[in-house]
PDB file of N, CA and C in Angstrom:
ATOM      1  N   UNK A   1       0.752  -1.262   0.419  1.00  0.00           N
ATOM      2  CA  UNK A   1      -0.222   0.400  -0.252  1.00  0.00           C
ATOM      3  C   UNK A   1       1.029   0.936  -0.023  1.00  0.00           C
ATOM      4  N   UNK A   2       2.111   1.070   0.702  1.00  0.00           N
ATOM      5  CA  UNK A   2       3.039   2.392   0.887  1.00  0.00           C
ATOM      6  C   UNK A   2       3.314   2.650  -0.843  1.00  0.00           C
ATOM      7  N   UNK A   3       2.515   4.349  -0.979  1.00  0.00           N
ATOM      8  CA  UNK A   3       3.044   5.069  -1.355  1.00  0.00           C
ATOM      9  C   UNK A   3       2.025   4.265  -3.337  1.00  0.00           C
ATOM     10  N   UNK A   4       0.996   3.924  -2.698  1.00  0.00           N
ATOM     11  CA  UNK A   4       0.084   3.376  -4.073  1.00  0.00           C
ATOM     12  C   UNK A   4      -1.289   4.907  -4.080  1.00  0.00           C
ATOM     13  N   UNK A   5      -1.194   5.731  -5.473  1.00  0.00           N
ATOM     14  CA  UNK A   5      -2.015   6.212  -5.890  1.00  0.00           C
ATOM     15  C   UNK A   5      -2.700   6.087  -6.231  1.00  0.00           C
ATOM     16  N   UNK A   6      -3.893   5.968  -6.155  1.00  0.00           N
ATOM     17  CA  UNK A   6      -5.635   5.368  -6.417  1.00  0.00           C
ATOM     18  C   UNK A   6      -5.792   6.467  -7.874  1.00  0.00           C
ATOM     19  N   UNK A   7      -5.608   5.889  -9.206  1.00  0.00           N
ATOM     20  CA  UNK A   7      -6.302   7.056 -10.255  1.00  0.00           C
ATOM     21  C   UNK A   7      -7.303   7.532  -9.940  1.00  0.00           C
ATOM     22  N   UNK A   8      -8.374   7.233  -9.158  1.00  0.00           N
ATOM     23  CA  UNK A   8      -9.817   8.131  -9.051  1.00  0.00           C
ATOM     24  C   UNK A   8      -9.708   9.400  -8.177  1.00  0.00           C
ATOM     25  N   UNK A   9      -8.815   9.212  -7.450  1.00  0.00           N
ATOM     26  CA  UNK A   9      -8.555  10.584  -6.575  1.00  0.00           C
ATOM     27  C   UNK A   9      -7.723  11.672  -7.687  1.00  0.00           C
ATOM     28  N   UNK A  10      -8.243  12.654  -7.610  1.00  0.00           N
ATOM     29  CA  UNK A  10      -7.939  13.983  -7.414  1.00  0.00           C
ATOM     30  C   UNK A  10      -6.574  14.000  -6.952  1.00  0.00           C
ATOM     31  N   UNK A  11      -6.626  14.092  -5.867  1.00  0.00           N
ATOM     32  CA  UNK A  11      -5.933  14.829  -4.695  1.00  0.00           C
ATOM     33  C   UNK A  11      -5.191  13.634  -4.132  1.00  0.00           C
ATOM     34  N   UNK A  12      -4.048  13.179  -4.227  1.00  0.00           N
ATOM     35  CA  UNK A  12      -3.508  11.614  -2.832  1.00  0.00           C
ATOM     36  C   UNK A  12      -4.116  12.223  -1.376  1.00  0.00           C
ATOM     37  N   UNK A  13      -4.317  11.566  -0.263  1.00  0.00           N
ATOM     38  CA  UNK A  13      -5.723  11.799   0.385  1.00  0.00           C
ATOM     39  C   UNK A  13      -4.340  11.195   1.393  1.00  0.00           C
ATOM     40  N   UNK A  14      -4.132  12.831   2.849  1.00  0.00           N
ATOM     41  CA  UNK A  14      -3.114  11.937   4.257  1.00  0.00           C
ATOM     42  C   UNK A  14      -3.315  10.677   4.073  1.00  0.00           C
ATOM     43  N   UNK A  15      -2.005   9.685   4.376  1.00  0.00           N
ATOM     44  CA  UNK A  15      -2.206   8.025   5.200  1.00  0.00           C
ATOM     45  C   UNK A  15      -2.204   8.942   6.237  1.00  0.00           C
ATOM     46  N   UNK A  16      -2.868   7.286   7.901  1.00  0.00           N
ATOM     47  CA  UNK A  16      -2.958   8.111   8.559  1.00  0.00           C
ATOM     48  C   UNK A  16      -1.043   7.923   9.511  1.00  0.00           C
ATOM     49  N   UNK A  17      -0.056   6.913   9.396  1.00  0.00           N
ATOM     50  CA  UNK A  17       1.185   7.707   9.322  1.00  0.00           C
ATOM     51  C   UNK A  17       1.248   9.126   9.166  1.00  0.00           C
ATOM     52  N   UNK A  18       1.106   9.944   8.355  1.00  0.00           N
ATOM     53  CA  UNK A  18       1.343  10.991   7.041  1.00  0.00           C
ATOM     54  C   UNK A  18       0.243  12.505   8.448  1.00  0.00           C
ATOM     55  N   UNK A  19      -1.158  11.700   8.890  1.00  0.00           N
ATOM     56  CA  UNK A  19      -1.715  12.687   9.761  1.00  0.00           C
ATOM     57  C   UNK A  19      -0.878  12.427  11.265  1.00  0.00           C
ATOM     58  N   UNK A  20      -0.629  11.693  11.627  1.00  0.00           N
ATOM     59  CA  UNK A  20       0.442  11.464  13.445  1.00  0.00           C
ATOM     60  C   UNK A  20       1.070  12.554  13.056  1.00  0.00           C
ATOM     61  N   UNK A  21       2.548  12.880  12.070  1.00  0.00           N
ATOM     62  CA  UNK A  21       3.490  13.453  11.929  1.00  0.00           C
ATOM     63  C   UNK A  21       2.859  15.066  11.715  1.00  0.00           C
ATOM     64  N   UNK A  22       2.122  15.213  11.197  1.00  0.00           N
ATOM     65  CA  UNK A  22       0.983  16.551  10.993  1.00  0.00           C
ATOM     66  C   UNK A  22       0.145  17.360  12.124  1.00  0.00           C
ATOM     67  N   UNK A  23      -0.059  15.927  12.597  1.00  0.00           N
ATOM     68  CA  UNK A  23      -0.780  16.054  14.461  1.00  0.00           C
ATOM     69  C   UNK A  23       0.164  16.576  15.797  1.00  0.00           C
ATOM     70  N   UNK A  24       1.285  16.089  15.235  1.00  0.00           N
ATOM     71  CA  UNK A  24       2.489  15.534  16.336  1.00  0.00           C
ATOM     72  C   UNK A  24       3.348  17.042  16.120  1.00  0.00           C
ATOM     73  N   UNK A  25       3.746  17.655  14.571  1.00  0.00           N
ATOM     74  CA  UNK A  25       4.167  19.691  14.532  1.00  0.00           C
ATOM     75  C   UNK A  25       3.217  20.229  14.717  1.00  0.00           C
ATOM     76  N   UNK A  26       1.633  20.090  14.863  1.00  0.00           N
ATOM     77  CA  UNK A  26       0.933  20.707  15.085  1.00  0.00           C
ATOM     78  C   UNK A  26       0.715  21.410  16.590  1.00  0.00           C
ATOM     79  N   UNK A  27       0.955  19.951  17.369  1.00  0.00           N
ATOM     80  CA  UNK A  27       0.929  20.109  19.395  1.00  0.00           C
ATOM     81  C   UNK A  27       2.512  21.036  19.593  1.00  0.00           C
ATOM     82  N   UNK A  28       2.704  20.237  18.747  1.00  0.00           N
ATOM     83  CA  UNK A  28       4.878  20.858  18.545  1.00  0.00           C
ATOM     84  C   UNK A  28       4.898  22.855  18.995  1.00  0.00           C
ATOM     85  N   UNK A  29       3.726  23.113  18.067  1.00  0.00           N
ATOM     86  CA  UNK A  29       3.998  24.538  17.591  1.00  0.00           C
ATOM     87  C   UNK A  29       2.788  25.047  18.490  1.00  0.00           C
ATOM     88  N   UNK A  30       1.881  24.371  19.908  1.00  0.00           N
ATOM     89  CA  UNK A  30       1.097  25.545  20.157  1.00  0.00           C
ATOM     90  C   UNK A  30      -0.139  25.080  19.805  1.00  0.00           C
ATOM     91  N   UNK A  31      -1.100  24.461  18.846  1.00  0.00           N
ATOM     92  CA  UNK A  31      -2.559  24.460  18.512  1.00  0.00           C
ATOM     93  C   UNK A  31      -2.663  22.881  19.073  1.00  0.00           C
ATOM     94  N   UNK A  32      -2.039  22.308  20.171  1.00  0.00           N
ATOM     95  CA  UNK A  32      -2.631  21.085  20.417  1.00  0.00           C
ATOM     96  C   UNK A  32      -4.314  21.442  20.918  1.00  0.00           C
ATOM     97  N   UNK A  33      -4.775  22.182  21.693  1.00  0.00           N
ATOM     98  CA  UNK A  33      -6.001  22.816  22.109  1.00  0.00           C
ATOM     99  C   UNK A  33      -6.697  23.329  21.064  1.00  0.00           C
ATOM    100  N   UNK A  34      -6.649  23.426  19.678  1.00  0.00           N
ATOM    101  CA  UNK A  34      -7.564  23.890  18.930  1.00  0.00           C
ATOM    102  C   UNK A  34      -8.114  23.055  18.759  1.00  0.00           C
ATOM    103  N   UNK A  35      -9.783  23.497  17.790  1.00  0.00           N
ATOM    104  CA  UNK A  35     -10.118  22.246  17.223  1.00  0.00           C
ATOM    105  C   UNK A  35      -9.571  22.142  16.088  1.00  0.00           C
ATOM    106  N   UNK A  36     -10.339  21.097  15.619  1.00  0.00           N
ATOM    107  CA  UNK A  36     -10.091  20.693  14.316  1.00  0.00           C
ATOM    108  C   UNK A  36     -11.176  21.107  12.967  1.00  0.00           C
ATOM    109  N   UNK A  37     -10.680  21.786  11.991  1.00  0.00           N
ATOM    110  CA  UNK A  37     -12.131  21.234  10.982  1.00  0.00           C
ATOM    111  C   UNK A  37     -11.023  20.899   9.542  1.00  0.00           C
ATOM    112  N   UNK A  38     -12.326  20.415   9.349  1.00  0.00           N
ATOM    113  CA  UNK A  38     -11.542  19.763   7.656  1.00  0.00           C
ATOM    114  C   UNK A  38     -12.481  19.855   6.570  1.00  0.00           C
ATOM    115  N   UNK A  39     -11.969  19.934   5.114  1.00  0.00           N
ATOM    116  CA  UNK A  39     -12.899  20.531   4.187  1.00  0.00           C
ATOM    117  C   UNK A  39     -13.593  18.882   4.051  1.00  0.00           C
ATOM    118  N   UNK A  40     -15.308  20.001   3.356  1.00  0.00           N
ATOM    119  CA  UNK A  40     -16.023  19.032   2.721  1.00  0.00           C
ATOM    120  C   UNK A  40     -15.542  18.644   1.107  1.00  0.00           C
ATOM    121  N   UNK A  41     -14.624  18.928   0.376  1.00  0.00           N
ATOM    122  CA  UNK A  41     -14.384  18.440  -0.811  1.00  0.00           C
ATOM    123  C   UNK A  41     -12.110  17.964  -0.712  1.00  0.00           C
ATOM    124  N   UNK A  42     -12.101  17.673  -2.089  1.00  0.00           N
ATOM    125  CA  UNK A  42     -10.892  18.178  -2.342  1.00  0.00           C
ATOM    126  C   UNK A  42     -10.759  19.178  -2.689  1.00  0.00           C
ATOM    127  N   UNK A  43     -11.297  20.427  -2.863  1.00  0.00           N
ATOM    128  CA  UNK A  43     -11.168  21.735  -3.152  1.00  0.00           C
ATOM    129  C   UNK A  43     -10.737  22.833  -2.506  1.00  0.00           C
ATOM    130  N   UNK A  44     -11.035  22.262  -1.411  1.00  0.00           N
ATOM    131  CA  UNK A  44     -11.170  22.873   0.300  1.00  0.00           C
ATOM    132  C   UNK A  44     -12.392  24.026  -0.007  1.00  0.00           C
ATOM    133  N   UNK A  45     -13.606  24.306  -1.450  1.00  0.00           N
ATOM    134  CA  UNK A  45     -14.371  25.173  -0.849  1.00  0.00           C
ATOM    135  C   UNK A  45     -15.094  25.395  -0.366  1.00  0.00           C
ATOM    136  N   UNK A  46     -15.466  24.434   1.058  1.00  0.00           N
ATOM    137  CA  UNK A  46     -15.984  24.630   2.543  1.00  0.00           C
ATOM    138  C   UNK A  46     -14.899  23.597   3.600  1.00  0.00           C
ATOM    139  N   UNK A  47     -15.023  24.188   4.720  1.00  0.00           N
ATOM    140  CA  UNK A  47     -15.276  22.971   6.302  1.00  0.00           C
ATOM    141  C   UNK A  47     -15.813  23.324   7.241  1.00  0.00           C
ATOM    142  N   UNK A  48     -15.698  21.609   8.266  1.00  0.00           N
ATOM    143  CA  UNK A  48     -17.131  21.522   8.806  1.00  0.00           C
ATOM    144  C   UNK A  48     -16.262  21.012  10.254  1.00  0.00           C
ATOM    145  N   UNK A  49     -16.100  20.935  11.154  1.00  0.00           N
ATOM    146  CA  UNK A  49     -15.991  20.274  12.251  1.00  0.00           C
ATOM    147  C   UNK A  49     -15.991  19.006  12.153  1.00  0.00           C
ATOM    148  N   UNK A  50     -14.551  18.193  13.044  1.00  0.00           N
ATOM    149  CA  UNK A  50     -14.519  17.108  12.822  1.00  0.00           C
ATOM    150  C   UNK A  50     -15.075  16.807  14.249  1.00  0.00           C
ATOM    151  N   UNK A  51     -15.849  15.817  13.632  1.00  0.00           N
ATOM    152  CA  UNK A  51     -16.501  15.484  14.980  1.00  0.00           C
ATOM    153  C   UNK A  51     -16.263  13.700  15.496  1.00  0.00           C
ATOM    154  N   UNK A  52     -15.135  12.928  14.751  1.00  0.00           N
ATOM    155  CA  UNK A  52     -15.395  11.926  15.449  1.00  0.00           C
ATOM    156  C   UNK A  52     -14.049  10.758  14.961  1.00  0.00           C
ATOM    157  N   UNK A  53     -13.536   9.856  15.778  1.00  0.00           N
ATOM    158  CA  UNK A  53     -12.394   9.478  15.505  1.00  0.00           C
ATOM    159  C   UNK A  53     -12.187   8.426  14.117  1.00  0.00           C
ATOM    160  N   UNK A  54     -11.214   7.501  14.019  1.00  0.00           N
ATOM    161  CA  UNK A  54     -11.076   6.870  12.380  1.00  0.00           C
ATOM    162  C   UNK A  54     -11.958   5.963  12.432  1.00  0.00           C
ATOM    163  N   UNK A  55     -12.557   5.746  11.849  1.00  0.00           N
ATOM    164  CA  UNK A  55     -13.450   4.374  11.676  1.00  0.00           C
ATOM    165  C   UNK A  55     -12.785   3.612   9.940  1.00  0.00           C
ATOM    166  N   UNK A  56     -12.554   1.668  10.634  1.00  0.00           N
ATOM    167  CA  UNK A  56     -12.266   0.913   9.545  1.00  0.00           C
ATOM    168  C   UNK A  56     -13.314   0.350   9.454  1.00  0.00           C
ATOM    169  N   UNK A  57     -14.211  -0.364  10.154  1.00  0.00           N
ATOM    170  CA  UNK A  57     -15.307  -1.449   9.515  1.00  0.00           C
ATOM    171  C   UNK A  57     -16.202  -0.412   8.380  1.00  0.00           C
ATOM    172  N   UNK A  58     -15.831  -0.277   7.460  1.00  0.00           N
ATOM    173  CA  UNK A  58     -16.566   1.041   6.585  1.00  0.00           C
ATOM    174  C   UNK A  58     -17.552   0.366   5.629  1.00  0.00           C
ATOM    175  N   UNK A  59     -17.756  -0.509   5.801  1.00  0.00           N
ATOM    176  CA  UNK A  59     -19.037  -1.081   4.912  1.00  0.00           C
ATOM    177  C   UNK A  59     -20.147  -0.688   5.130  1.00  0.00           C
ATOM    178  N   UNK A  60     -20.790  -0.084   5.879  1.00  0.00           N
ATOM    179  CA  UNK A  60     -21.815   0.412   6.593  1.00  0.00           C
ATOM    180  C   UNK A  60     -21.970   2.491   5.537  1.00  0.00           C
ATOM    181  N   UNK A  61     -20.475   2.554   5.382  1.00  0.00           N
ATOM    182  CA  UNK A  61     -20.526   3.665   4.720  1.00  0.00           C
ATOM    183  C   UNK A  61     -20.202   3.434   2.716  1.00  0.00           C
ATOM    184  N   UNK A  62     -20.013   2.474   2.497  1.00  0.00           N
ATOM    185  CA  UNK A  62     -19.711   2.466   1.080  1.00  0.00           C
ATOM    186  C   UNK A  62     -19.945   3.765   0.163  1.00  0.00           C
ATOM    187  N   UNK A  63     -21.393   4.017   0.254  1.00  0.00           N
ATOM    188  CA  UNK A  63     -22.164   4.257  -0.338  1.00  0.00           C
ATOM    189  C   UNK A  63     -21.760   5.932  -0.740  1.00  0.00           C
ATOM    190  N   UNK A  64     -21.184   6.128   0.678  1.00  0.00           N
ATOM    191  CA  UNK A  64     -21.438   7.618   0.947  1.00  0.00           C
ATOM    192  C   UNK A  64     -18.822   8.035   0.976  1.00  0.00           C
ATOM    193  N   UNK A  65     -18.954   8.087   0.396  1.00  0.00           N
ATOM    194  CA  UNK A  65     -17.520   7.242  -0.126  1.00  0.00           C
ATOM    195  C   UNK A  65     -17.348   7.440  -0.968  1.00  0.00           C
ATOM    196  N   UNK A  66     -17.074   9.666  -1.874  1.00  0.00           N
ATOM    197  CA  UNK A  66     -16.613   9.628  -3.216  1.00  0.00           C
ATOM    198  C   UNK A  66     -15.669   9.237  -3.513  1.00  0.00           C
ATOM    199  N   UNK A  67     -15.169   9.827  -4.972  1.00  0.00           N
ATOM    200  CA  UNK A  67     -13.216   9.242  -5.854  1.00  0.00           C
ATOM    201  C   UNK A  67     -13.085   8.202  -5.319  1.00  0.00           C
ATOM    202  N   UNK A  68     -13.766   6.455  -5.064  1.00  0.00           N
ATOM    203  CA  UNK A  68     -12.744   5.300  -4.736  1.00  0.00           C
ATOM    204  C   UNK A  68     -13.891   4.526  -5.532  1.00  0.00           C
ATOM    205  N   UNK A  69     -13.028   3.515  -5.659  1.00  0.00           N
ATOM    206  CA  UNK A  69     -13.963   2.444  -6.343  1.00  0.00           C
ATOM    207  C   UNK A  69     -13.947   1.731  -5.830  1.00  0.00           C
ATOM    208  N   UNK A  70     -14.573   0.362  -6.486  1.00  0.00           N
ATOM    209  CA  UNK A  70     -15.236  -0.660  -5.400  1.00  0.00           C
ATOM    210  C   UNK A  70     -13.587  -1.469  -4.286  1.00  0.00           C
ATOM    211  N   UNK A  71     -12.970  -1.528  -5.663  1.00  0.00           N
ATOM    212  CA  UNK A  71     -11.558  -2.878  -5.599  1.00  0.00           C
ATOM    213  C   UNK A  71     -10.368  -1.992  -4.716  1.00  0.00           C
ATOM    214  N   UNK A  72     -11.155  -1.009  -4.515  1.00  0.00           N
ATOM    215  CA  UNK A  72      -9.644   0.152  -3.399  1.00  0.00           C
ATOM    216  C   UNK A  72     -10.304   0.282  -2.017  1.00  0.00           C
ATOM    217  N   UNK A  73     -10.778   0.418  -1.730  1.00  0.00           N
ATOM    218  CA  UNK A  73     -12.409   0.434  -0.332  1.00  0.00           C
ATOM    219  C   UNK A  73     -11.353  -0.419   0.807  1.00  0.00           C
ATOM    220  N   UNK A  74     -10.674  -1.575   0.767  1.00  0.00           N
ATOM    221  CA  UNK A  74      -9.374  -1.501   1.491  1.00  0.00           C
ATOM    222  C   UNK A  74      -8.520  -0.738   2.108  1.00  0.00           C
ATOM    223  N   UNK A  75      -7.827  -0.476   0.979  1.00  0.00           N
ATOM    224  CA  UNK A  75      -6.903   1.117   1.184  1.00  0.00           C
ATOM    225  C   UNK A  75      -7.498   2.354   2.232  1.00  0.00           C
ATOM    226  N   UNK A  76      -9.007   2.432   2.696  1.00  0.00           N
ATOM    227  CA  UNK A  76      -9.247   3.878   3.272  1.00  0.00           C
ATOM    228  C   UNK A  76      -9.555   3.192   4.916  1.00  0.00           C
ATOM    229  N   UNK A  77      -9.411   3.905   5.454  1.00  0.00           N
ATOM    230  CA  UNK A  77     -10.221   4.527   7.218  1.00  0.00           C
ATOM    231  C   UNK A  77     -10.825   5.283   6.614  1.00  0.00           C
ATOM    232  N   UNK A  78     -12.157   5.677   7.035  1.00  0.00           N
ATOM    233  CA  UNK A  78     -13.020   7.011   7.422  1.00  0.00           C
ATOM    234  C   UNK A  78     -12.931   7.693   8.632  1.00  0.00           C
ATOM    235  N   UNK A  79     -12.374   9.063   8.331  1.00  0.00           N
ATOM    236  CA  UNK A  79     -11.629  10.307   9.901  1.00  0.00           C
ATOM    237  C   UNK A  79     -13.551  11.046   9.863  1.00  0.00           C
ATOM    238  N   UNK A  80     -13.436  11.446  11.023  1.00  0.00           N
ATOM    239  CA  UNK A  80     -14.829  12.070  10.794  1.00  0.00           C
ATOM    240  C   UNK A  80     -16.051  12.355  10.573  1.00  0.00           C
TER     241      UNK A  80
END
């Protein structure tokens, strides 16, 4: 999986490891108590609050997951 780019994705999403590094950097820079808002789409046209931690059992959400083909679902987790 490492380094795999799924062709249907317009922008390459962060991996869990990349997110962890960015979170550690944010805490080190004094942002540890800030609230997290995430983009509504891959172009950053809007933002909303982050409400939920990682979800790895995504079977119930496959109709709401965009830009991912069915064969690529095993390569993702849901955050938010």
